[in-house]
C-alpha atoms as a PDB file:
ATOM      1  CA  MET A   1       0.088  -0.132  -0.073  1.00  0.00           C
ATOM      2  CA  GLU A   2       1.638   3.294  -0.943  1.00  0.00           C
ATOM      3  CA  ASN A   3       2.167   5.995   1.554  1.00  0.00           C
ATOM      4  CA  SER A   4       0.585   9.387   1.714  1.00  0.00           C
ATOM      5  CA  SER A   5       4.135  11.128   0.432  1.00  0.00           C
ATOM      6  CA  ALA A   6       4.166   8.796  -2.791  1.00  0.00           C
ATOM      7  CA  LYS A   7       0.054   9.822  -3.623  1.00  0.00           C
ATOM      8  CA  SER A   8       0.424  12.994  -3.163  1.00  0.00           C
ATOM      9  CA  LEU A   9       3.665  13.240  -5.327  1.00  0.00           C
ATOM     10  CA  ARG A  10       1.083  11.099  -7.867  1.00  0.00           C
ATOM     11  CA  LEU A  11      -1.422  13.832  -7.397  1.00  0.00           C
ATOM     12  CA  LEU A  12       0.696  16.776  -7.931  1.00  0.00           C
ATOM     13  CA  TYR A  13       2.447  14.944 -11.119  1.00  0.00           C
ATOM     14  CA  TYR A  14      -0.990  14.169 -12.463  1.00  0.00           C
ATOM     15  CA  ARG A  15      -2.357  17.792 -11.990  1.00  0.00           C
ATOM     16  CA  TYR A  16       0.355  19.805 -13.222  1.00  0.00           C
ATOM     17  CA  LYS A  17       2.385  17.652 -16.130  1.00  0.00           C
ATOM     18  CA  ASP A  18       0.635  19.611 -18.516  1.00  0.00           C
ATOM     19  CA  THR A  19       0.788  23.102 -17.179  1.00  0.00           C
ATOM     20  CA  GLN A  20       3.858  25.429 -17.825  1.00  0.00           C
ATOM     21  CA  TRP A  21       5.081  25.194 -14.290  1.00  0.00           C
ATOM     22  CA  PHE A  22       5.944  21.352 -14.774  1.00  0.00           C
ATOM     23  CA  SER A  23       8.231  22.533 -17.971  1.00  0.00           C
ATOM     24  CA  LEU A  24       9.784  25.171 -16.048  1.00  0.00           C
ATOM     25  CA  SER A  25      10.691  22.844 -13.015  1.00  0.00           C
ATOM     26  CA  ILE A  26      12.190  20.692 -15.339  1.00  0.00           C
ATOM     27  CA  ALA A  27      14.264  23.249 -16.810  1.00  0.00           C
ATOM     28  CA  VAL A  28      15.165  24.464 -13.662  1.00  0.00           C
ATOM     29  CA  PHE A  29      16.472  21.226 -12.448  1.00  0.00           C
ATOM     30  CA  ILE A  30      18.161  20.283 -15.503  1.00  0.00           C
ATOM     31  CA  LEU A  31      20.166  23.674 -15.131  1.00  0.00           C
ATOM     32  CA  LEU A  32      20.904  22.900 -11.341  1.00  0.00           C
ATOM     33  CA  ILE A  33      22.962  19.616 -12.437  1.00  0.00           C
ATOM     34  CA  ILE A  34      24.578  21.507 -15.246  1.00  0.00           C
ATOM     35  CA  ALA A  35      25.979  24.012 -12.822  1.00  0.00           C
ATOM     36  CA  LEU A  36      26.543  21.667 -10.247  1.00  0.00           C
ATOM     37  CA  LEU A  37      28.705  19.175 -13.052  1.00  0.00           C
ATOM     38  CA  ILE A  38      30.276  22.794 -14.196  1.00  0.00           C
ATOM     39  CA  GLY A  39      31.418  23.866 -10.341  1.00  0.00           C
ATOM     40  CA  ARG A  40      32.735  20.179  -9.394  1.00  0.00           C
ATOM     41  CA  VAL A  41      33.996  18.749 -12.492  1.00  0.00           C
ATOM     42  CA  VAL A  42      34.689  21.247 -15.343  1.00  0.00           C
ATOM     43  CA  PHE A  43      35.691  24.107 -13.277  1.00  0.00           C
ATOM     44  CA  PRO A  44      38.212  22.369 -11.692  1.00  0.00           C
ATOM     45  CA  GLN A  45      39.736  20.565 -14.548  1.00  0.00           C
ATOM     46  CA  VAL A  46      39.928  24.351 -16.237  1.00  0.00           C
ATOM     47  CA  GLN A  47      42.073  25.515 -13.272  1.00  0.00           C
ATOM     48  CA  ASN A  48      43.959  22.747 -13.253  1.00  0.00           C
ATOM     49  CA  TRP A  49      44.834  22.912 -17.150  1.00  0.00           C
ATOM     50  CA  LEU A  50      45.179  26.761 -16.961  1.00  0.00           C
ATOM     51  CA  SER A  51      47.787  26.142 -13.971  1.00  0.00           C
ATOM     52  CA  ILE A  52      49.360  23.724 -16.207  1.00  0.00           C
ATOM     53  CA  GLN A  53      50.188  25.750 -18.927  1.00  0.00           C
ATOM     54  CA  ASN A  54      51.544  28.643 -16.456  1.00  0.00           C
ATOM     55  CA  GLU A  55      54.057  26.258 -15.209  1.00  0.00           C
ATOM     56  CA  VAL A  56      54.870  25.274 -18.962  1.00  0.00           C
ATOM     57  CA  ALA A  57      55.273  29.294 -19.744  1.00  0.00           C
ATOM     58  CA  SER A  58      57.490  29.770 -16.933  1.00  0.00           C
ATOM     59  CA  THR A  59      59.645  26.911 -17.599  1.00  0.00           C
ATOM     60  CA  ARG A  60      60.085  27.874 -20.755  1.00  0.00           C
ATOM     61  CA  GLN A  61      61.017  31.414 -19.321  1.00  0.00           C
ATOM     62  CA  ARG A  62      63.643  29.908 -17.002  1.00  0.00           C
ATOM     63  CA  LEU A  63      65.351  28.119 -19.783  1.00  0.00           C
ATOM     64  CA  GLU A  64      65.741  31.001 -22.022  1.00  0.00           C
ATOM     65  CA  ILE A  65      67.545  32.277 -19.400  1.00  0.00           C
ATOM     66  CA  LEU A  66      69.379  29.927 -18.538  1.00  0.00           C
ATOM     67  CA  ARG A  67      70.011  29.748 -22.522  1.00  0.00           C
ATOM     68  CA  SER A  68      70.965  33.416 -22.578  1.00  0.00           C
ATOM     69  CA  ASN A  69      73.393  33.508 -19.434  1.00  0.00           C
ATOM     70  CA  GLU A  70      75.169  30.488 -20.787  1.00  0.00           C
ATOM     71  CA  GLN A  71      75.400  32.208 -23.947  1.00  0.00           C
ATOM     72  CA  GLN A  72      76.902  35.364 -21.635  1.00  0.00           C
ATOM     73  CA  VAL A  73      79.299  33.071 -19.800  1.00  0.00           C
ATOM     74  CA  GLN A  74      80.672  31.501 -23.402  1.00  0.00           C
ATOM     75  CA  LEU A  75      81.743  35.224 -24.269  1.00  0.00           C
ATOM     76  CA  MET A  76      83.171  36.207 -21.534  1.00  0.00           C
ATOM     77  CA  ASN A  77      86.992  36.704 -21.517  1.00  0.00           C
ATOM     78  CA  ASP A  78      88.696  36.238 -18.266  1.00  0.00           C
ATOM     79  CA  ALA A  79      91.692  38.068 -18.533  1.00  0.00           C
ATOM     80  CA  VAL A  80      88.664  41.217 -18.862  1.00  0.00           C
ATOM     81  CA  LEU A  81      87.027  40.305 -15.907  1.00  0.00           C
ATOM     82  CA  ASN A  82      90.282  39.844 -14.179  1.00  0.00           C
ATOM     83  CA  THR A  83      91.344  43.578 -15.120  1.00  0.00           C
ATOM     84  CA  GLN A  84      87.799  44.753 -14.215  1.00  0.00           C
ATOM     85  CA  LEU A  85      87.581  43.116 -10.766  1.00  0.00           C
ATOM     86  CA  GLN A  86      91.167  44.340 -10.137  1.00  0.00           C
ATOM     87  CA  THR A  87      90.116  47.643 -10.743  1.00  0.00           C
ATOM     88  CA  VAL A  88      86.842  47.460  -8.569  1.00  0.00           C
ATOM     89  CA  THR A  89      88.803  45.926  -5.792  1.00  0.00           C
ATOM     90  CA  SER A  90      91.059  49.305  -5.958  1.00  0.00           C
ATOM     91  CA  ALA A  91      88.371  51.633  -5.867  1.00  0.00           C
ATOM     92  CA  LEU A  92      86.631  49.755  -2.897  1.00  0.00           C
ATOM     93  CA  PRO A  93      89.096  47.289  -1.471  1.00  0.00           C
ATOM     94  CA  VAL A  94      87.474  44.392   0.679  1.00  0.00           C
ATOM     95  CA  GLU A  95      89.814  45.443   3.504  1.00  0.00           C
ATOM     96  CA  LYS A  96      91.570  48.183   5.232  1.00  0.00           C
ATOM     97  CA  ASP A  97      93.628  48.906   2.165  1.00  0.00           C
ATOM     98  CA  PHE A  98      96.601  51.500   4.126  1.00  0.00           C
ATOM     99  CA  THR A  99      99.286  50.567   1.562  1.00  0.00           C
ATOM    100  CA  GLY A 100      96.855  52.274  -1.025  1.00  0.00           C
ATOM    101  CA  VAL A 101      96.014  54.875   1.038  1.00  0.00           C
ATOM    102  CA  LEU A 102      98.862  56.555   1.682  1.00  0.00           C
ATOM    103  CA  GLY A 103     100.253  55.694  -2.150  1.00  0.00           C
ATOM    104  CA  SER A 104      97.272  57.493  -3.555  1.00  0.00           C
ATOM    105  CA  VAL A 105      97.872  60.433  -1.220  1.00  0.00           C
ATOM    106  CA  ALA A 106     101.108  60.421  -2.461  1.00  0.00           C
ATOM    107  CA  VAL A 107     101.193  60.532  -5.623  1.00  0.00           C
ATOM    108  CA  ALA A 108      98.600  63.456  -5.622  1.00  0.00           C
ATOM    109  CA  GLY A 109     100.564  65.193  -3.234  1.00  0.00           C
ATOM    110  CA  ALA A 110     103.529  64.949  -5.502  1.00  0.00           C
ATOM    111  CA  LYS A 111     101.448  66.169  -8.315  1.00  0.00           C
ATOM    112  CA  ALA A 112     100.020  69.257  -6.606  1.00  0.00           C
ATOM    113  CA  GLY A 113     103.735  70.132  -5.200  1.00  0.00           C
ATOM    114  CA  VAL A 114     102.838  69.853  -1.575  1.00  0.00           C
ATOM    115  CA  SER A 115     104.931  68.354   1.116  1.00  0.00           C
ATOM    116  CA  PHE A 116     102.917  66.630   4.349  1.00  0.00           C
ATOM    117  CA  ASP A 117     103.881  67.336   8.211  1.00  0.00           C
ATOM    118  CA  ASP A 118     102.600  64.768   9.933  1.00  0.00           C
ATOM    119  CA  TYR A 119      99.645  62.016   9.464  1.00  0.00           C
ATOM    120  CA  THR A 120      97.160  59.703  11.815  1.00  0.00           C
ATOM    121  CA  PHE A 121      94.619  56.885  10.926  1.00  0.00           C
ATOM    122  CA  GLN A 122      91.505  56.481  12.722  1.00  0.00           C
ATOM    123  CA  VAL A 123      91.519  52.693  12.338  1.00  0.00           C
ATOM    124  CA  GLY A 124      87.905  52.070  13.385  1.00  0.00           C
ATOM    125  CA  PRO A 125      86.626  48.720  13.983  1.00  0.00           C
ATOM    126  CA  LEU A 126      89.431  46.120  13.474  1.00  0.00           C
ATOM    127  CA  SER A 127      87.251  43.085  12.860  1.00  0.00           C
ATOM    128  CA  THR A 128      85.780  41.914   9.563  1.00  0.00           C
ATOM    129  CA  LYS A 129      82.695  41.105  10.945  1.00  0.00           C
ATOM    130  CA  ALA A 130      82.205  44.365  12.816  1.00  0.00           C
ATOM    131  CA  ALA A 131      83.133  46.679  10.010  1.00  0.00           C
ATOM    132  CA  ALA A 132      80.922  44.423   7.876  1.00  0.00           C
ATOM    133  CA  LEU A 133      77.685  46.009  10.210  1.00  0.00           C
ATOM    134  CA  THR A 134      78.896  49.347   9.261  1.00  0.00           C
ATOM    135  CA  GLN A 135      76.589  50.755   6.340  1.00  0.00           C
ATOM    136  CA  ASP A 136      79.789  52.573   4.596  1.00  0.00           C
ATOM    137  CA  PRO A 137      83.094  50.990   6.075  1.00  0.00           C
ATOM    138  CA  SER A 138      85.904  53.470   5.610  1.00  0.00           C
ATOM    139  CA  ILE A 139      89.053  54.599   7.403  1.00  0.00           C
ATOM    140  CA  GLU A 140      89.905  58.066   8.261  1.00  0.00           C
ATOM    141  CA  LEU A 141      93.454  59.710   7.106  1.00  0.00           C
ATOM    142  CA  SER A 142      94.460  63.263   9.305  1.00  0.00           C
ATOM    143  CA  PHE A 143      97.276  65.083   7.971  1.00  0.00           C
ATOM    144  CA  ILE A 144      99.057  68.473   7.132  1.00  0.00           C
ATOM    145  CA  ILE A 145     100.353  69.404   4.236  1.00  0.00           C
ATOM    146  CA  ARG A 146     102.176  72.384   3.282  1.00  0.00           C
ATOM    147  CA  GLY A 147     101.990  74.845   0.013  1.00  0.00           C
ATOM    148  CA  SER A 148      99.943  77.538  -1.396  1.00  0.00           C
ATOM    149  CA  LEU A 149      96.312  78.060  -1.473  1.00  0.00           C
ATOM    150  CA  GLU A 150      96.561  76.724  -5.557  1.00  0.00           C
ATOM    151  CA  SER A 151      98.273  73.882  -4.797  1.00  0.00           C
ATOM    152  CA  ILE A 152      96.377  72.615  -1.862  1.00  0.00           C
ATOM    153  CA  ILE A 153      93.418  72.967  -3.964  1.00  0.00           C
ATOM    154  CA  LEU A 154      95.461  70.645  -6.971  1.00  0.00           C
ATOM    155  CA  PHE A 155      95.746  68.150  -4.177  1.00  0.00           C
ATOM    156  CA  LEU A 156      92.158  67.955  -3.382  1.00  0.00           C
ATOM    157  CA  LYS A 157      91.128  67.925  -7.022  1.00  0.00           C
ATOM    158  CA  GLU A 158      93.870  65.089  -7.112  1.00  0.00           C
ATOM    159  CA  ILE A 159      92.625  62.878  -4.436  1.00  0.00           C
ATOM    160  CA  SER A 160      89.557  62.741  -5.944  1.00  0.00           C
ATOM    161  CA  GLU A 161      90.661  61.246  -8.893  1.00  0.00           C
ATOM    162  CA  LYS A 162      92.627  58.237  -7.374  1.00  0.00           C
ATOM    163  CA  VAL A 163      91.986  54.688  -5.916  1.00  0.00           C
ATOM    164  CA  PRO A 164      90.887  53.866  -3.141  1.00  0.00           C
ATOM    165  CA  LEU A 165      87.756  55.952  -3.196  1.00  0.00           C
ATOM    166  CA  SER A 166      87.870  59.450  -1.190  1.00  0.00           C
ATOM    167  CA  GLN A 167      85.885  61.687   0.770  1.00  0.00           C
ATOM    168  CA  VAL A 168      87.088  65.027   2.084  1.00  0.00           C
ATOM    169  CA  VAL A 169      85.514  65.535   5.498  1.00  0.00           C
ATOM    170  CA  SER A 170      87.238  68.694   6.736  1.00  0.00           C
ATOM    171  CA  VAL A 171      89.729  71.263   4.955  1.00  0.00           C
ATOM    172  CA  ASP A 172      91.165  73.638   7.769  1.00  0.00           C
ATOM    173  CA  TYR A 173      93.663  76.139   5.862  1.00  0.00           C
ATOM    174  CA  THR A 174      96.075  78.225   7.331  1.00  0.00           C
ATOM    175  CA  GLU A 175      98.616  80.553   6.099  1.00  0.00           C
ATOM    176  CA  THR A 176     101.329  78.044   5.499  1.00  0.00           C
ATOM    177  CA  GLY A 177      99.246  75.133   4.879  1.00  0.00           C
ATOM    178  CA  ALA A 178      96.299  72.614   5.525  1.00  0.00           C
ATOM    179  CA  ASN A 179      94.990  70.396   8.456  1.00  0.00           C
ATOM    180  CA  ILE A 180      93.229  67.875   6.072  1.00  0.00           C
ATOM    181  CA  SER A 181      90.867  64.945   6.781  1.00  0.00           C
ATOM    182  CA  LEU A 182      89.678  62.174   4.302  1.00  0.00           C
ATOM    183  CA  LEU A 183      87.883  59.291   4.370  1.00  0.00           C
ATOM    184  CA  PHE A 184      88.749  56.529   2.507  1.00  0.00           C
ATOM    185  CA  PHE A 185      86.138  53.519   1.656  1.00  0.00           C
ATOM    186  CA  TYR A 186      86.370  49.655   1.411  1.00  0.00           C
ATOM    187  CA  LYS A 187      83.854  47.034   1.139  1.00  0.00           C
ATOM    188  CA  VAL A 188      83.848  43.926   2.995  1.00  0.00           C
ATOM    189  CA  ILE A 189      82.312  40.902   1.007  1.00  0.00           C
ATOM    190  CA  PRO A 190      80.057  38.485   2.566  1.00  0.00           C
ATOM    191  CA  GLU A 191      81.406  35.126   2.957  1.00  0.00           C
ATOM    192  CA  ARG A 192      78.502  33.470   1.135  1.00  0.00           C
ATOM    193  CA  ILE A 193      77.185  35.409  -2.191  1.00  0.00           C
ATOM    194  CA  PRO A 194      73.749  33.956  -3.064  1.00  0.00           C
ATOM    195  CA  ILE A 195      73.533  33.156  -6.723  1.00  0.00           C
ATOM    196  CA  SER A 196      70.480  32.598  -8.924  1.00  0.00           C
ATOM    197  CA  TYR A 197      70.944  30.637 -11.642  1.00  0.00           C
ATOM    198  CA  THR A 198      67.336  31.667 -12.825  1.00  0.00           C
ATOM    199  CA  GLU A 199      67.617  35.052 -12.997  1.00  0.00           C
ATOM    200  CA  PRO A 200      69.583  36.836 -16.004  1.00  0.00           C
ATOM    201  CA  MET A 201      72.752  37.815 -15.968  1.00  0.00           C
ATOM    202  CA  LYS A 202      73.385  41.725 -15.412  1.00  0.00           C
ATOM    203  CA  GLN A 203      76.155  42.931 -18.109  1.00  0.00           C
ATOM    204  CA  ILE A 204      78.194  46.190 -17.341  1.00  0.00           C
ATOM    205  CA  GLN A 205      77.162  48.659 -19.829  1.00  0.00           C
ATOM    206  CA  GLY A 206      75.531  52.203 -20.028  1.00  0.00           C
ATOM    207  CA  ASN A 207      76.840  54.639 -16.856  1.00  0.00           C
ATOM    208  CA  ASN A 208      78.285  51.793 -15.132  1.00  0.00           C
ATOM    209  CA  ALA A 209      80.832  51.031 -18.111  1.00  0.00           C
ATOM    210  CA  THR A 210      81.344  54.426 -18.220  1.00  0.00           C
ATOM    211  CA  LEU A 211      82.311  54.431 -14.908  1.00  0.00           C
ATOM    212  CA  LEU A 212      84.534  51.441 -14.724  1.00  0.00           C
ATOM    213  CA  GLN A 213      86.474  52.952 -17.512  1.00  0.00           C
ATOM    214  CA  THR A 214      86.762  56.078 -15.407  1.00  0.00           C
ATOM    215  CA  LEU A 215      88.047  53.834 -12.316  1.00  0.00           C
ATOM    216  CA  GLY A 216      90.330  52.276 -14.497  1.00  0.00           C
ATOM    217  CA  ARG A 217      91.898  55.334 -15.457  1.00  0.00           C
ATOM    218  CA  TRP A 218      91.936  56.190 -12.201  1.00  0.00           C
ATOM    219  CA  LYS A 219      93.659  53.369 -11.156  1.00  0.00           C
ATOM    220  CA  GLU A 220      96.652  53.706 -13.269  1.00  0.00           C
ATOM    221  CA  ASP A 221      96.890  57.482 -12.657  1.00  0.00           C
ATOM    222  CA  SER A 222      97.168  56.200  -8.330  1.00  0.00           C
ATOM    223  CA  LEU A 223     100.377  53.679  -9.385  1.00  0.00           C
ATOM    224  CA  TYR A 224     103.089  55.126  -7.327  1.00  0.00           C
ATOM    225  CA  THR A 225     107.075  53.748  -7.140  1.00  0.00           C
ATOM    226  CA  GLY A 226     109.209  55.623  -4.314  1.00  0.00           C
ATOM    227  CA  ILE A 227     107.102  58.177  -3.483  1.00  0.00           C
ATOM    228  CA  GLU A 228     106.662  58.483  -0.032  1.00  0.00           C
ATOM    229  CA  ILE A 229     104.799  60.311   3.134  1.00  0.00           C
ATOM    230  CA  PRO A 230     107.861  62.209   5.135  1.00  0.00           C
ATOM    231  CA  ALA A 231     107.276  61.115   8.606  1.00  0.00           C
ATOM    232  CA  THR A 232     108.084  63.621  10.988  1.00  0.00           C
ATOM    233  CA  GLU A 233     108.809  62.940  15.155  1.00  0.00           C
ATOM    234  CA  SER A 234     104.925  64.129  15.677  1.00  0.00           C
ATOM    235  CA  ALA A 235     103.668  61.713  13.414  1.00  0.00           C
ATOM    236  CA  GLN A 236     101.091  58.941  14.526  1.00  0.00           C
ATOM    237  CA  PRO A 237     100.008  56.472  11.947  1.00  0.00           C
ATOM    238  CA  PHE A 238      97.526  55.059  13.954  1.00  0.00           C
ATOM    239  CA  ASN A 239      95.331  56.780  16.422  1.00  0.00           C
END
């Protein structure tokens, strides 16, 4: 014996099967089924396909970068690279280069025609790790030079075009000379330098290439032979 629910459904079916509401209900039901299939089956498949396409495109891009980097490496000249490295490390030494500092000062002084009375180094942190924490690691050289105002100005111009790179901190001019303080910069190289083989290699070009050429000229001009800074009894090489 049929229960009341089944009888009610049969009555509703026979009552509305020939009306527009029945057709509309069937259409709505079909649309819901289609939407459910799209949401549960088709849409995830589309997302998966798009994800695969993105991964394929990313892989192709990485391969192109690797090919380009390989071509650049093959075209590199070891001798040129070594020269460029020496030029850069001359401009920004990897440690405190006291010899290079005194050499560049001596060359600039000889060209400007000034003489030196005494000098002191402000050594700063001796630990490489401590120096690495400094934003712009440098050593300070203070000295007295004797000469005319014109020769002192010429000395400052000459020292600004020498390596290691320097910056004038102060100039206290007197009638017989000047007290000068200079900062000489250096660059501490980290123990580990992260390298990404999937990133394009940066080429030295444009302003960087021009700067490298300029530093190369300054390096050649900073070479010295037999030029010394005269030391006096009051000289204090380190302070």
